[in-house]
Amino acid sequence: MIVRHLDAKSLGYCNRGLRRWFDRHGLDFADFRRNGLDEQAFLATGDPMAARLVAYARERRCNG
């Protein structure tokens, strides 16, 4: 599943924090904003905030 920028924003994640997070993990924030990012890339970081975002995006897809 592709996690979208809108998912992160809906969860309350701010762009400043997201940019820093993407930089820390060597991921392209601008590409994420345009195209989203596969959930596996988020989960591969092992970061709890990434796992929370993936779970939230999955729930949005199931309930929306």
Protein backbone atom coordinates (compact mmCIF):
# COMPACT_ATOMS: atom_id res chain seq x y z
CA MET A 1 0.00 0.00 0.00
CA ILE A 2 1.15 3.53 -0.74
CA VAL A 3 1.16 5.90 2.22
CA ARG A 4 0.35 9.45 1.14
CA HIS A 5 1.32 12.85 2.45
CA LEU A 6 -2.35 13.44 3.25
CA ASP A 7 -2.24 10.43 5.59
CA ALA A 8 0.64 11.99 7.52
CA LYS A 9 -1.05 15.38 7.67
CA SER A 10 -4.35 13.84 8.79
CA LEU A 11 -2.51 12.07 11.59
CA GLY A 12 -1.14 15.43 12.72
CA TYR A 13 2.44 15.11 11.48
CA CYS A 14 3.89 18.49 10.49
CA ASN A 15 5.96 19.12 7.37
CA ARG A 16 8.97 20.35 9.34
CA GLY A 17 9.12 17.16 11.36
CA LEU A 18 8.45 15.02 8.31
CA ARG A 19 11.28 16.68 6.38
CA ARG A 20 13.69 16.01 9.24
CA TRP A 21 12.50 12.43 9.57
CA PHE A 22 12.92 11.78 5.83
CA ASP A 23 16.41 13.32 5.88
CA ARG A 24 17.41 11.17 8.89
CA HIS A 25 16.34 8.04 7.06
CA GLY A 26 17.77 8.98 3.65
CA LEU A 27 14.35 9.20 2.01
CA ASP A 28 13.08 11.80 -0.47
CA PHE A 29 10.44 14.00 1.14
CA ALA A 30 9.60 15.87 -2.08
CA ASP A 31 8.93 12.58 -3.86
CA PHE A 32 6.78 11.43 -0.94
CA ARG A 33 4.69 14.59 -1.22
CA ARG A 34 4.16 13.97 -4.94
CA ASN A 35 3.83 10.21 -5.09
CA GLY A 36 3.57 8.76 -1.61
CA LEU A 37 5.81 5.97 -0.36
CA ASP A 38 5.28 2.25 -0.07
CA GLU A 39 4.45 1.15 3.46
CA GLN A 40 7.36 -1.30 3.44
CA ALA A 41 9.83 1.58 3.11
CA PHE A 42 8.35 3.16 6.23
CA LEU A 43 8.32 -0.10 8.17
CA ALA A 44 11.90 -0.91 7.15
CA THR A 45 13.09 2.11 9.16
CA GLY A 46 11.98 0.41 12.39
CA ASP A 47 10.72 3.77 13.62
CA PRO A 48 7.61 3.70 15.84
CA MET A 49 6.25 6.90 14.26
CA ALA A 50 6.52 5.30 10.83
CA ALA A 51 4.69 2.19 12.06
CA ARG A 52 1.97 4.41 13.54
CA LEU A 53 1.59 6.21 10.20
CA VAL A 54 1.32 2.94 8.28
CA ALA A 55 -1.30 1.62 10.71
CA TYR A 56 -3.24 4.87 10.42
CA ALA A 57 -3.10 4.80 6.60
CA ARG A 58 -4.32 1.19 6.57
CA GLU A 59 -7.22 2.11 8.82
CA ARG A 60 -8.12 5.07 6.61
CA ARG A 61 -8.23 2.78 3.56
CA CYS A 62 -10.45 0.25 5.36
CA ASN A 63 -12.84 2.83 6.77
CA GLY A 64 -12.90 5.35 4.01
